């Protein structure tokens, strides 16, 4: 149950998790599914498809004055050997070091904790 993985960090509801998807494009539809269930939650997803990392983040518009999805991805992507960016409410990136996915998700939780 995905709701059980939501944590409250620094006053924000946060879901930062690795997901299994069949291809890189599927992470976006997975994000849409999670967003519809967890509307007031900062969501960060990472996946490893064929040795490549896909990452995506969404931030509710009510929180974008404090935290931006583009900043989350810009800080997370180098940990998985990549880059990315986007809008304040939605951003995507990728990388080539799937072995660092767990570390990148842990980093994002610390990043939010220290806002």
PDB file of N, CA and C in Angstrom:
ATOM      1  N   UNK A   1       0.841  -1.196   0.000  1.00  0.00           N
ATOM      2  CA  UNK A   1       0.000   0.000   0.000  1.00  0.00           C
ATOM      3  C   UNK A   1       0.876   1.247   0.000  1.00  0.00           C
ATOM      4  N   UNK A   2       0.759   2.049  -1.023  1.00  0.00           N
ATOM      5  CA  UNK A   2       1.643   3.200  -1.218  1.00  0.00           C
ATOM      6  C   UNK A   2       1.458   4.265  -0.138  1.00  0.00           C
ATOM      7  N   UNK A   3       0.242   4.410   0.393  1.00  0.00           N
ATOM      8  CA  UNK A   3      -0.005   5.406   1.434  1.00  0.00           C
ATOM      9  C   UNK A   3       0.820   5.123   2.686  1.00  0.00           C
ATOM     10  N   UNK A   4       1.127   3.849   2.944  1.00  0.00           N
ATOM     11  CA  UNK A   4       1.907   3.470   4.122  1.00  0.00           C
ATOM     12  C   UNK A   4       3.355   3.942   4.039  1.00  0.00           C
ATOM     13  N   UNK A   5       3.825   4.288   2.852  1.00  0.00           N
ATOM     14  CA  UNK A   5       5.212   4.724   2.675  1.00  0.00           C
ATOM     15  C   UNK A   5       5.376   6.240   2.813  1.00  0.00           C
ATOM     16  N   UNK A   6       4.271   6.964   2.954  1.00  0.00           N
ATOM     17  CA  UNK A   6       4.347   8.422   3.076  1.00  0.00           C
ATOM     18  C   UNK A   6       4.872   8.779   4.462  1.00  0.00           C
ATOM     19  N   UNK A   7       5.863   9.669   4.486  1.00  0.00           N
ATOM     20  CA  UNK A   7       6.448  10.154   5.740  1.00  0.00           C
ATOM     21  C   UNK A   7       6.176  11.645   5.850  1.00  0.00           C
ATOM     22  N   UNK A   8       6.113  12.143   7.078  1.00  0.00           N
ATOM     23  CA  UNK A   8       6.056  13.584   7.283  1.00  0.00           C
ATOM     24  C   UNK A   8       7.464  14.045   7.621  1.00  0.00           C
ATOM     25  N   UNK A   9       8.009  14.919   6.774  1.00  0.00           N
ATOM     26  CA  UNK A   9       9.372  15.432   6.941  1.00  0.00           C
ATOM     27  C   UNK A   9       9.300  16.946   6.919  1.00  0.00           C
ATOM     28  N   UNK A  10       9.720  17.572   7.989  1.00  0.00           N
ATOM     29  CA  UNK A  10       9.760  19.030   8.076  1.00  0.00           C
ATOM     30  C   UNK A  10       8.393  19.665   7.752  1.00  0.00           C
ATOM     31  N   UNK A  11       7.325  18.978   8.174  1.00  0.00           N
ATOM     32  CA  UNK A  11       5.985  19.507   7.954  1.00  0.00           C
ATOM     33  C   UNK A  11       5.372  19.160   6.600  1.00  0.00           C
ATOM     34  N   UNK A  12       6.135  18.511   5.731  1.00  0.00           N
ATOM     35  CA  UNK A  12       5.646  18.108   4.408  1.00  0.00           C
ATOM     36  C   UNK A  12       5.362  16.608   4.397  1.00  0.00           C
ATOM     37  N   UNK A  13       4.289  16.202   3.700  1.00  0.00           N
ATOM     38  CA  UNK A  13       4.078  14.776   3.437  1.00  0.00           C
ATOM     39  C   UNK A  13       4.962  14.420   2.243  1.00  0.00           C
ATOM     40  N   UNK A  14       5.763  13.369   2.406  1.00  0.00           N
ATOM     41  CA  UNK A  14       6.746  13.007   1.376  1.00  0.00           C
ATOM     42  C   UNK A  14       6.681  11.511   1.082  1.00  0.00           C
ATOM     43  N   UNK A  15       6.670  11.190  -0.203  1.00  0.00           N
ATOM     44  CA  UNK A  15       6.833   9.817  -0.657  1.00  0.00           C
ATOM     45  C   UNK A  15       8.057   9.809  -1.564  1.00  0.00           C
ATOM     46  N   UNK A  16       9.113   9.140  -1.134  1.00  0.00           N
ATOM     47  CA  UNK A  16      10.331   9.007  -1.945  1.00  0.00           C
ATOM     48  C   UNK A  16      10.637   7.517  -2.015  1.00  0.00           C
ATOM     49  N   UNK A  17      10.448   6.936  -3.197  1.00  0.00           N
ATOM     50  CA  UNK A  17      10.572   5.483  -3.297  1.00  0.00           C
ATOM     51  C   UNK A  17      11.038   5.046  -4.680  1.00  0.00           C
ATOM     52  N   UNK A  18      11.564   3.832  -4.737  1.00  0.00           N
ATOM     53  CA  UNK A  18      11.926   3.215  -6.011  1.00  0.00           C
ATOM     54  C   UNK A  18      10.729   2.408  -6.498  1.00  0.00           C
ATOM     55  N   UNK A  19      10.444   2.495  -7.777  1.00  0.00           N
ATOM     56  CA  UNK A  19       9.323   1.761  -8.365  1.00  0.00           C
ATOM     57  C   UNK A  19       9.825   0.902  -9.519  1.00  0.00           C
ATOM     58  N   UNK A  20       9.134  -0.206  -9.750  1.00  0.00           N
ATOM     59  CA  UNK A  20       9.446  -1.052 -10.901  1.00  0.00           C
ATOM     60  C   UNK A  20       8.491  -0.688 -12.027  1.00  0.00           C
ATOM     61  N   UNK A  21       9.056  -0.319 -13.164  1.00  0.00           N
ATOM     62  CA  UNK A  21       8.259   0.022 -14.339  1.00  0.00           C
ATOM     63  C   UNK A  21       8.836  -0.706 -15.553  1.00  0.00           C
ATOM     64  N   UNK A  22       7.998  -0.992 -16.553  1.00  0.00           N
ATOM     65  CA  UNK A  22       8.473  -1.749 -17.713  1.00  0.00           C
ATOM     66  C   UNK A  22       9.394  -0.952 -18.639  1.00  0.00           C
ATOM     67  N   UNK A  23       9.246   0.392 -18.635  1.00  0.00           N
ATOM     68  CA  UNK A  23      10.098   1.222 -19.479  1.00  0.00           C
ATOM     69  C   UNK A  23      10.149   2.626 -18.871  1.00  0.00           C
ATOM     70  N   UNK A  24      11.053   3.449 -19.382  1.00  0.00           N
ATOM     71  CA  UNK A  24      11.281   4.775 -18.802  1.00  0.00           C
ATOM     72  C   UNK A  24      10.035   5.667 -18.865  1.00  0.00           C
ATOM     73  N   UNK A  25       9.240   5.528 -19.918  1.00  0.00           N
ATOM     74  CA  UNK A  25       8.039   6.368 -20.038  1.00  0.00           C
ATOM     75  C   UNK A  25       6.990   6.012 -18.994  1.00  0.00           C
ATOM     76  N   UNK A  26       6.985   4.782 -18.543  1.00  0.00           N
ATOM     77  CA  UNK A  26       5.958   4.316 -17.603  1.00  0.00           C
ATOM     78  C   UNK A  26       6.067   4.984 -16.238  1.00  0.00           C
ATOM     79  N   UNK A  27       7.222   5.540 -15.898  1.00  0.00           N
ATOM     80  CA  UNK A  27       7.351   6.195 -14.589  1.00  0.00           C
ATOM     81  C   UNK A  27       6.406   7.398 -14.501  1.00  0.00           C
ATOM     82  N   UNK A  28       6.149   8.026 -15.627  1.00  0.00           N
ATOM     83  CA  UNK A  28       5.248   9.189 -15.630  1.00  0.00           C
ATOM     84  C   UNK A  28       3.807   8.779 -15.324  1.00  0.00           C
ATOM     85  N   UNK A  29       3.337   7.692 -15.904  1.00  0.00           N
ATOM     86  CA  UNK A  29       1.974   7.243 -15.610  1.00  0.00           C
ATOM     87  C   UNK A  29       1.866   6.732 -14.174  1.00  0.00           C
ATOM     88  N   UNK A  30       2.938   6.114 -13.675  1.00  0.00           N
ATOM     89  CA  UNK A  30       2.963   5.694 -12.273  1.00  0.00           C
ATOM     90  C   UNK A  30       2.853   6.920 -11.372  1.00  0.00           C
ATOM     91  N   UNK A  31       3.576   7.988 -11.717  1.00  0.00           N
ATOM     92  CA  UNK A  31       3.499   9.228 -10.949  1.00  0.00           C
ATOM     93  C   UNK A  31       2.073   9.780 -10.970  1.00  0.00           C
ATOM     94  N   UNK A  32       1.426   9.762 -12.139  1.00  0.00           N
ATOM     95  CA  UNK A  32       0.060  10.266 -12.236  1.00  0.00           C
ATOM     96  C   UNK A  32      -0.885   9.477 -11.316  1.00  0.00           C
ATOM     97  N   UNK A  33      -0.702   8.156 -11.259  1.00  0.00           N
ATOM     98  CA  UNK A  33      -1.519   7.324 -10.380  1.00  0.00           C
ATOM     99  C   UNK A  33      -1.313   7.716  -8.916  1.00  0.00           C
ATOM    100  N   UNK A  34      -0.047   7.888  -8.522  1.00  0.00           N
ATOM    101  CA  UNK A  34       0.263   8.239  -7.133  1.00  0.00           C
ATOM    102  C   UNK A  34      -0.268   9.624  -6.792  1.00  0.00           C
ATOM    103  N   UNK A  35      -0.113  10.563  -7.746  1.00  0.00           N
ATOM    104  CA  UNK A  35      -0.568  11.933  -7.514  1.00  0.00           C
ATOM    105  C   UNK A  35      -2.069  11.997  -7.261  1.00  0.00           C
ATOM    106  N   UNK A  36      -2.834  11.187  -7.965  1.00  0.00           N
ATOM    107  CA  UNK A  36      -4.286  11.211  -7.779  1.00  0.00           C
ATOM    108  C   UNK A  36      -4.676  10.683  -6.397  1.00  0.00           C
ATOM    109  N   UNK A  37      -3.867   9.778  -5.832  1.00  0.00           N
ATOM    110  CA  UNK A  37      -4.156   9.222  -4.507  1.00  0.00           C
ATOM    111  C   UNK A  37      -3.589  10.093  -3.385  1.00  0.00           C
ATOM    112  N   UNK A  38      -2.470  10.755  -3.643  1.00  0.00           N
ATOM    113  CA  UNK A  38      -1.728  11.488  -2.612  1.00  0.00           C
ATOM    114  C   UNK A  38      -1.601  12.952  -3.012  1.00  0.00           C
ATOM    115  N   UNK A  39      -2.721  13.649  -3.052  1.00  0.00           N
ATOM    116  CA  UNK A  39      -2.754  14.975  -3.656  1.00  0.00           C
ATOM    117  C   UNK A  39      -1.940  16.030  -2.924  1.00  0.00           C
ATOM    118  N   UNK A  40      -1.757  15.906  -1.626  1.00  0.00           N
ATOM    119  CA  UNK A  40      -1.050  16.933  -0.862  1.00  0.00           C
ATOM    120  C   UNK A  40       0.357  16.487  -0.485  1.00  0.00           C
ATOM    121  N   UNK A  41       0.959  15.643  -1.336  1.00  0.00           N
ATOM    122  CA  UNK A  41       2.222  14.995  -1.005  1.00  0.00           C
ATOM    123  C   UNK A  41       3.297  15.324  -2.035  1.00  0.00           C
ATOM    124  N   UNK A  42       4.513  15.583  -1.538  1.00  0.00           N
ATOM    125  CA  UNK A  42       5.686  15.683  -2.419  1.00  0.00           C
ATOM    126  C   UNK A  42       6.054  14.246  -2.779  1.00  0.00           C
ATOM    127  N   UNK A  43       6.106  13.953  -4.072  1.00  0.00           N
ATOM    128  CA  UNK A  43       6.371  12.578  -4.521  1.00  0.00           C
ATOM    129  C   UNK A  43       7.647  12.565  -5.364  1.00  0.00           C
ATOM    130  N   UNK A  44       8.564  11.676  -4.994  1.00  0.00           N
ATOM    131  CA  UNK A  44       9.807  11.485  -5.743  1.00  0.00           C
ATOM    132  C   UNK A  44       9.923   9.999  -6.048  1.00  0.00           C
ATOM    133  N   UNK A  45       9.955   9.664  -7.339  1.00  0.00           N
ATOM    134  CA  UNK A  45      10.065   8.262  -7.760  1.00  0.00           C
ATOM    135  C   UNK A  45      11.345   8.060  -8.545  1.00  0.00           C
ATOM    136  N   UNK A  46      11.931   6.885  -8.364  1.00  0.00           N
ATOM    137  CA  UNK A  46      13.114   6.502  -9.130  1.00  0.00           C
ATOM    138  C   UNK A  46      12.910   5.079  -9.632  1.00  0.00           C
ATOM    139  N   UNK A  47      13.426   4.800 -10.821  1.00  0.00           N
ATOM    140  CA  UNK A  47      13.341   3.439 -11.353  1.00  0.00           C
ATOM    141  C   UNK A  47      14.621   3.104 -12.102  1.00  0.00           C
ATOM    142  N   UNK A  48      14.873   1.807 -12.185  1.00  0.00           N
ATOM    143  CA  UNK A  48      16.010   1.280 -12.929  1.00  0.00           C
ATOM    144  C   UNK A  48      15.447   0.427 -14.049  1.00  0.00           C
ATOM    145  N   UNK A  49      15.598   0.912 -15.280  1.00  0.00           N
ATOM    146  CA  UNK A  49      15.150   0.157 -16.443  1.00  0.00           C
ATOM    147  C   UNK A  49      16.364  -0.083 -17.333  1.00  0.00           C
ATOM    148  N   UNK A  50      16.742  -1.344 -17.444  1.00  0.00           N
ATOM    149  CA  UNK A  50      17.883  -1.726 -18.290  1.00  0.00           C
ATOM    150  C   UNK A  50      19.155  -0.955 -17.933  1.00  0.00           C
ATOM    151  N   UNK A  51      19.415  -0.785 -16.639  1.00  0.00           N
ATOM    152  CA  UNK A  51      20.645  -0.134 -16.197  1.00  0.00           C
ATOM    153  C   UNK A  51      20.630   1.377 -16.284  1.00  0.00           C
ATOM    154  N   UNK A  52      19.504   1.971 -16.645  1.00  0.00           N
ATOM    155  CA  UNK A  52      19.378   3.434 -16.695  1.00  0.00           C
ATOM    156  C   UNK A  52      18.380   3.872 -15.631  1.00  0.00           C
ATOM    157  N   UNK A  53      18.700   4.993 -14.988  1.00  0.00           N
ATOM    158  CA  UNK A  53      17.849   5.511 -13.928  1.00  0.00           C
ATOM    159  C   UNK A  53      16.910   6.569 -14.497  1.00  0.00           C
ATOM    160  N   UNK A  54      15.641   6.467 -14.140  1.00  0.00           N
ATOM    161  CA  UNK A  54      14.669   7.527 -14.419  1.00  0.00           C
ATOM    162  C   UNK A  54      14.202   8.058 -13.074  1.00  0.00           C
ATOM    163  N   UNK A  55      14.156   9.382 -12.946  1.00  0.00           N
ATOM    164  CA  UNK A  55      13.663   9.991 -11.720  1.00  0.00           C
ATOM    165  C   UNK A  55      12.628  11.049 -12.077  1.00  0.00           C
ATOM    166  N   UNK A  56      11.642  11.198 -11.202  1.00  0.00           N
ATOM    167  CA  UNK A  56      10.580  12.169 -11.415  1.00  0.00           C
ATOM    168  C   UNK A  56      10.132  12.681 -10.051  1.00  0.00           C
ATOM    169  N   UNK A  57       9.805  13.948  -9.997  1.00  0.00           N
ATOM    170  CA  UNK A  57       9.344  14.548  -8.745  1.00  0.00           C
ATOM    171  C   UNK A  57       8.154  15.453  -9.033  1.00  0.00           C
ATOM    172  N   UNK A  58       7.187  15.455  -8.112  1.00  0.00           N
ATOM    173  CA  UNK A  58       6.105  16.421  -8.166  1.00  0.00           C
ATOM    174  C   UNK A  58       5.960  17.066  -6.794  1.00  0.00           C
ATOM    175  N   UNK A  59       5.619  18.334  -6.826  1.00  0.00           N
ATOM    176  CA  UNK A  59       5.382  19.100  -5.609  1.00  0.00           C
ATOM    177  C   UNK A  59       4.011  19.758  -5.767  1.00  0.00           C
ATOM    178  N   UNK A  60       3.127  19.595  -4.776  1.00  0.00           N
ATOM    179  CA  UNK A  60       1.825  20.260  -4.886  1.00  0.00           C
ATOM    180  C   UNK A  60       2.007  21.769  -5.057  1.00  0.00           C
ATOM    181  N   UNK A  61       1.159  22.378  -5.876  1.00  0.00           N
ATOM    182  CA  UNK A  61       1.285  23.820  -6.140  1.00  0.00           C
ATOM    183  C   UNK A  61       1.238  24.641  -4.852  1.00  0.00           C
ATOM    184  N   UNK A  62       0.589  24.116  -3.822  1.00  0.00           N
ATOM    185  CA  UNK A  62       0.518  24.828  -2.541  1.00  0.00           C
ATOM    186  C   UNK A  62       1.869  24.899  -1.835  1.00  0.00           C
ATOM    187  N   UNK A  63       2.841  24.081  -2.260  1.00  0.00           N
ATOM    188  CA  UNK A  63       4.160  24.042  -1.614  1.00  0.00           C
ATOM    189  C   UNK A  63       5.287  24.623  -2.477  1.00  0.00           C
ATOM    190  N   UNK A  64       4.996  24.993  -3.729  1.00  0.00           N
ATOM    191  CA  UNK A  64       6.086  25.380  -4.638  1.00  0.00           C
ATOM    192  C   UNK A  64       6.768  26.691  -4.253  1.00  0.00           C
ATOM    193  N   UNK A  65       6.169  27.459  -3.337  1.00  0.00           N
ATOM    194  CA  UNK A  65       6.874  28.650  -2.866  1.00  0.00           C
ATOM    195  C   UNK A  65       7.989  28.273  -1.886  1.00  0.00           C
ATOM    196  N   UNK A  66       7.929  27.052  -1.327  1.00  0.00           N
ATOM    197  CA  UNK A  66       8.931  26.604  -0.369  1.00  0.00           C
ATOM    198  C   UNK A  66       9.901  25.574  -0.952  1.00  0.00           C
ATOM    199  N   UNK A  67       9.414  24.758  -1.850  1.00  0.00           N
ATOM    200  CA  UNK A  67      10.242  23.701  -2.444  1.00  0.00           C
ATOM    201  C   UNK A  67       9.800  23.493  -3.885  1.00  0.00           C
ATOM    202  N   UNK A  68      10.773  23.294  -4.753  1.00  0.00           N
ATOM    203  CA  UNK A  68      10.482  23.156  -6.181  1.00  0.00           C
ATOM    204  C   UNK A  68      10.937  21.785  -6.681  1.00  0.00           C
ATOM    205  N   UNK A  69      10.098  21.170  -7.500  1.00  0.00           N
ATOM    206  CA  UNK A  69      10.428  19.860  -8.067  1.00  0.00           C
ATOM    207  C   UNK A  69      11.727  19.925  -8.871  1.00  0.00           C
ATOM    208  N   UNK A  70      11.914  21.020  -9.623  1.00  0.00           N
ATOM    209  CA  UNK A  70      13.145  21.172 -10.406  1.00  0.00           C
ATOM    210  C   UNK A  70      14.388  21.155  -9.532  1.00  0.00           C
ATOM    211  N   UNK A  71      14.307  21.775  -8.346  1.00  0.00           N
ATOM    212  CA  UNK A  71      15.451  21.772  -7.424  1.00  0.00           C
ATOM    213  C   UNK A  71      15.705  20.376  -6.864  1.00  0.00           C
ATOM    214  N   UNK A  72      14.618  19.646  -6.571  1.00  0.00           N
ATOM    215  CA  UNK A  72      14.779  18.273  -6.079  1.00  0.00           C
ATOM    216  C   UNK A  72      15.557  17.450  -7.105  1.00  0.00           C
ATOM    217  N   UNK A  73      15.129  17.506  -8.377  1.00  0.00           N
ATOM    218  CA  UNK A  73      15.770  16.700  -9.419  1.00  0.00           C
ATOM    219  C   UNK A  73      17.205  17.175  -9.676  1.00  0.00           C
ATOM    220  N   UNK A  74      17.425  18.489  -9.691  1.00  0.00           N
ATOM    221  CA  UNK A  74      18.791  19.000  -9.919  1.00  0.00           C
ATOM    222  C   UNK A  74      19.754  18.521  -8.847  1.00  0.00           C
ATOM    223  N   UNK A  75      19.274  18.361  -7.608  1.00  0.00           N
ATOM    224  CA  UNK A  75      20.123  17.881  -6.520  1.00  0.00           C
ATOM    225  C   UNK A  75      20.243  16.363  -6.487  1.00  0.00           C
ATOM    226  N   UNK A  76      19.221  15.680  -6.945  1.00  0.00           N
ATOM    227  CA  UNK A  76      19.192  14.215  -6.891  1.00  0.00           C
ATOM    228  C   UNK A  76      19.924  13.559  -8.066  1.00  0.00           C
ATOM    229  N   UNK A  77      19.777  14.132  -9.254  1.00  0.00           N
ATOM    230  CA  UNK A  77      20.301  13.501 -10.476  1.00  0.00           C
ATOM    231  C   UNK A  77      21.809  13.239 -10.450  1.00  0.00           C
ATOM    232  N   UNK A  78      22.640  14.174  -9.953  1.00  0.00           N
ATOM    233  CA  UNK A  78      24.077  13.878  -9.953  1.00  0.00           C
ATOM    234  C   UNK A  78      24.448  12.640  -9.123  1.00  0.00           C
ATOM    235  N   UNK A  79      23.655  12.323  -8.113  1.00  0.00           N
ATOM    236  CA  UNK A  79      23.934  11.150  -7.279  1.00  0.00           C
ATOM    237  C   UNK A  79      23.786   9.865  -8.093  1.00  0.00           C
ATOM    238  N   UNK A  80      22.877   9.864  -9.074  1.00  0.00           N
ATOM    239  CA  UNK A  80      22.690   8.684  -9.923  1.00  0.00           C
ATOM    240  C   UNK A  80      23.411   8.850 -11.263  1.00  0.00           C
ATOM    241  N   UNK A  81      24.359   9.774 -11.305  1.00  0.00           N
ATOM    242  CA  UNK A  81      25.192   9.949 -12.493  1.00  0.00           C
ATOM    243  C   UNK A  81      24.483  10.610 -13.651  1.00  0.00           C
ATOM    244  N   UNK A  82      23.610  11.563 -13.366  1.00  0.00           N
ATOM    245  CA  UNK A  82      22.872  12.182 -14.460  1.00  0.00           C
ATOM    246  C   UNK A  82      22.530  13.626 -14.210  1.00  0.00           C
ATOM    247  N   UNK A  83      21.487  14.071 -14.893  1.00  0.00           N
ATOM    248  CA  UNK A  83      21.024  15.444 -14.747  1.00  0.00           C
ATOM    249  C   UNK A  83      19.533  15.491 -15.030  1.00  0.00           C
ATOM    250  N   UNK A  84      18.966  16.654 -14.774  1.00  0.00           N
ATOM    251  CA  UNK A  84      17.544  16.818 -15.018  1.00  0.00           C
ATOM    252  C   UNK A  84      17.080  18.154 -14.498  1.00  0.00           C
ATOM    253  N   UNK A  85      15.806  18.398 -14.646  1.00  0.00           N
ATOM    254  CA  UNK A  85      15.225  19.641 -14.178  1.00  0.00           C
ATOM    255  C   UNK A  85      13.781  19.710 -14.617  1.00  0.00           C
ATOM    256  N   UNK A  86      13.199  20.883 -14.413  1.00  0.00           N
ATOM    257  CA  UNK A  86      11.809  21.031 -14.804  1.00  0.00           C
ATOM    258  C   UNK A  86      11.158  22.202 -14.130  1.00  0.00           C
ATOM    259  N   UNK A  87       9.852  22.123 -14.014  1.00  0.00           N
ATOM    260  CA  UNK A  87       9.056  23.205 -13.446  1.00  0.00           C
ATOM    261  C   UNK A  87       9.004  23.084 -11.914  1.00  0.00           C
ATOM    262  N   UNK A  88       8.502  24.128 -11.249  1.00  0.00           N
ATOM    263  CA  UNK A  88       8.371  24.053  -9.790  1.00  0.00           C
ATOM    264  C   UNK A  88       7.472  22.907  -9.317  1.00  0.00           C
ATOM    265  N   UNK A  89       6.456  22.535 -10.127  1.00  0.00           N
ATOM    266  CA  UNK A  89       5.528  21.491  -9.675  1.00  0.00           C
ATOM    267  C   UNK A  89       5.820  20.106 -10.247  1.00  0.00           C
ATOM    268  N   UNK A  90       6.672  19.999 -11.282  1.00  0.00           N
ATOM    269  CA  UNK A  90       6.985  18.705 -11.882  1.00  0.00           C
ATOM    270  C   UNK A  90       8.325  18.749 -12.579  1.00  0.00           C
ATOM    271  N   UNK A  91       9.152  17.731 -12.342  1.00  0.00           N
ATOM    272  CA  UNK A  91      10.464  17.685 -12.982  1.00  0.00           C
ATOM    273  C   UNK A  91      10.879  16.232 -13.187  1.00  0.00           C
ATOM    274  N   UNK A  92      11.755  16.020 -14.177  1.00  0.00           N
ATOM    275  CA  UNK A  92      12.252  14.682 -14.489  1.00  0.00           C
ATOM    276  C   UNK A  92      13.733  14.726 -14.754  1.00  0.00           C
ATOM    277  N   UNK A  93      14.367  13.573 -14.621  1.00  0.00           N
ATOM    278  CA  UNK A  93      15.786  13.464 -14.930  1.00  0.00           C
ATOM    279  C   UNK A  93      16.142  12.008 -15.130  1.00  0.00           C
ATOM    280  N   UNK A  94      17.424  11.791 -15.285  1.00  0.00           N
ATOM    281  CA  UNK A  94      17.890  10.429 -15.483  1.00  0.00           C
ATOM    282  C   UNK A  94      19.345  10.312 -15.127  1.00  0.00           C
ATOM    283  N   UNK A  95      19.825   9.087 -15.132  1.00  0.00           N
ATOM    284  CA  UNK A  95      21.224   8.844 -14.806  1.00  0.00           C
ATOM    285  C   UNK A  95      21.646   7.457 -15.240  1.00  0.00           C
ATOM    286  N   UNK A  96      22.910   7.169 -14.987  1.00  0.00           N
ATOM    287  CA  UNK A  96      23.496   5.908 -15.446  1.00  0.00           C
ATOM    288  C   UNK A  96      24.044   5.061 -14.304  1.00  0.00           C
ATOM    289  N   UNK A  97      23.699   5.424 -13.042  1.00  0.00           N
ATOM    290  CA  UNK A  97      24.235   4.687 -11.887  1.00  0.00           C
ATOM    291  C   UNK A  97      23.105   4.180 -10.989  1.00  0.00           C
ATOM    292  N   UNK A  98      22.409   3.122 -11.432  1.00  0.00           N
ATOM    293  CA  UNK A  98      21.282   2.610 -10.650  1.00  0.00           C
ATOM    294  C   UNK A  98      21.675   2.145  -9.257  1.00  0.00           C
ATOM    295  N   UNK A  99      22.939   1.817  -9.074  1.00  0.00           N
ATOM    296  CA  UNK A  99      23.392   1.372  -7.751  1.00  0.00           C
ATOM    297  C   UNK A  99      23.279   2.479  -6.694  1.00  0.00           C
ATOM    298  N   UNK A 100      23.072   3.719  -7.134  1.00  0.00           N
ATOM    299  CA  UNK A 100      22.977   4.849  -6.207  1.00  0.00           C
ATOM    300  C   UNK A 100      21.543   5.327  -5.971  1.00  0.00           C
ATOM    301  N   UNK A 101      20.545   4.593  -6.451  1.00  0.00           N
ATOM    302  CA  UNK A 101      19.145   5.022  -6.293  1.00  0.00           C
ATOM    303  C   UNK A 101      18.787   5.173  -4.817  1.00  0.00           C
ATOM    304  N   UNK A 102      19.099   4.176  -3.994  1.00  0.00           N
ATOM    305  CA  UNK A 102      18.748   4.239  -2.572  1.00  0.00           C
ATOM    306  C   UNK A 102      19.380   5.457  -1.917  1.00  0.00           C
ATOM    307  N   UNK A 103      20.648   5.699  -2.212  1.00  0.00           N
ATOM    308  CA  UNK A 103      21.347   6.865  -1.655  1.00  0.00           C
ATOM    309  C   UNK A 103      20.678   8.169  -2.110  1.00  0.00           C
ATOM    310  N   UNK A 104      20.268   8.248  -3.378  1.00  0.00           N
ATOM    311  CA  UNK A 104      19.657   9.478  -3.881  1.00  0.00           C
ATOM    312  C   UNK A 104      18.313   9.751  -3.204  1.00  0.00           C
ATOM    313  N   UNK A 105      17.531   8.707  -2.934  1.00  0.00           N
ATOM    314  CA  UNK A 105      16.246   8.878  -2.258  1.00  0.00           C
ATOM    315  C   UNK A 105      16.458   9.293  -0.802  1.00  0.00           C
ATOM    316  N   UNK A 106      17.471   8.730  -0.159  1.00  0.00           N
ATOM    317  CA  UNK A 106      17.800   9.113   1.219  1.00  0.00           C
ATOM    318  C   UNK A 106      18.257  10.573   1.256  1.00  0.00           C
ATOM    319  N   UNK A 107      19.049  10.978   0.261  1.00  0.00           N
ATOM    320  CA  UNK A 107      19.513  12.364   0.176  1.00  0.00           C
ATOM    321  C   UNK A 107      18.333  13.327   0.078  1.00  0.00           C
ATOM    322  N   UNK A 108      17.342  12.996  -0.733  1.00  0.00           N
ATOM    323  CA  UNK A 108      16.190  13.886  -0.918  1.00  0.00           C
ATOM    324  C   UNK A 108      15.427  14.058   0.389  1.00  0.00           C
ATOM    325  N   UNK A 109      15.290  12.985   1.166  1.00  0.00           N
ATOM    326  CA  UNK A 109      14.629  13.116   2.470  1.00  0.00           C
ATOM    327  C   UNK A 109      15.407  14.080   3.369  1.00  0.00           C
ATOM    328  N   UNK A 110      16.730  13.970   3.364  1.00  0.00           N
ATOM    329  CA  UNK A 110      17.568  14.898   4.145  1.00  0.00           C
ATOM    330  C   UNK A 110      17.451  16.316   3.609  1.00  0.00           C
ATOM    331  N   UNK A 111      17.399  16.449   2.288  1.00  0.00           N
ATOM    332  CA  UNK A 111      17.273  17.771   1.641  1.00  0.00           C
ATOM    333  C   UNK A 111      15.992  18.462   2.117  1.00  0.00           C
ATOM    334  N   UNK A 112      14.885  17.741   2.144  1.00  0.00           N
ATOM    335  CA  UNK A 112      13.613  18.301   2.597  1.00  0.00           C
ATOM    336  C   UNK A 112      13.660  18.605   4.097  1.00  0.00           C
ATOM    337  N   UNK A 113      14.303  17.726   4.844  1.00  0.00           N
ATOM    338  CA  UNK A 113      14.416  17.915   6.292  1.00  0.00           C
ATOM    339  C   UNK A 113      15.153  19.221   6.616  1.00  0.00           C
ATOM    340  N   UNK A 114      16.100  19.592   5.762  1.00  0.00           N
ATOM    341  CA  UNK A 114      16.951  20.758   6.030  1.00  0.00           C
ATOM    342  C   UNK A 114      16.500  22.048   5.347  1.00  0.00           C
ATOM    343  N   UNK A 115      15.289  22.065   4.812  1.00  0.00           N
ATOM    344  CA  UNK A 115      14.792  23.291   4.155  1.00  0.00           C
ATOM    345  C   UNK A 115      14.626  24.408   5.175  1.00  0.00           C
TER     346      UNK A 115
END
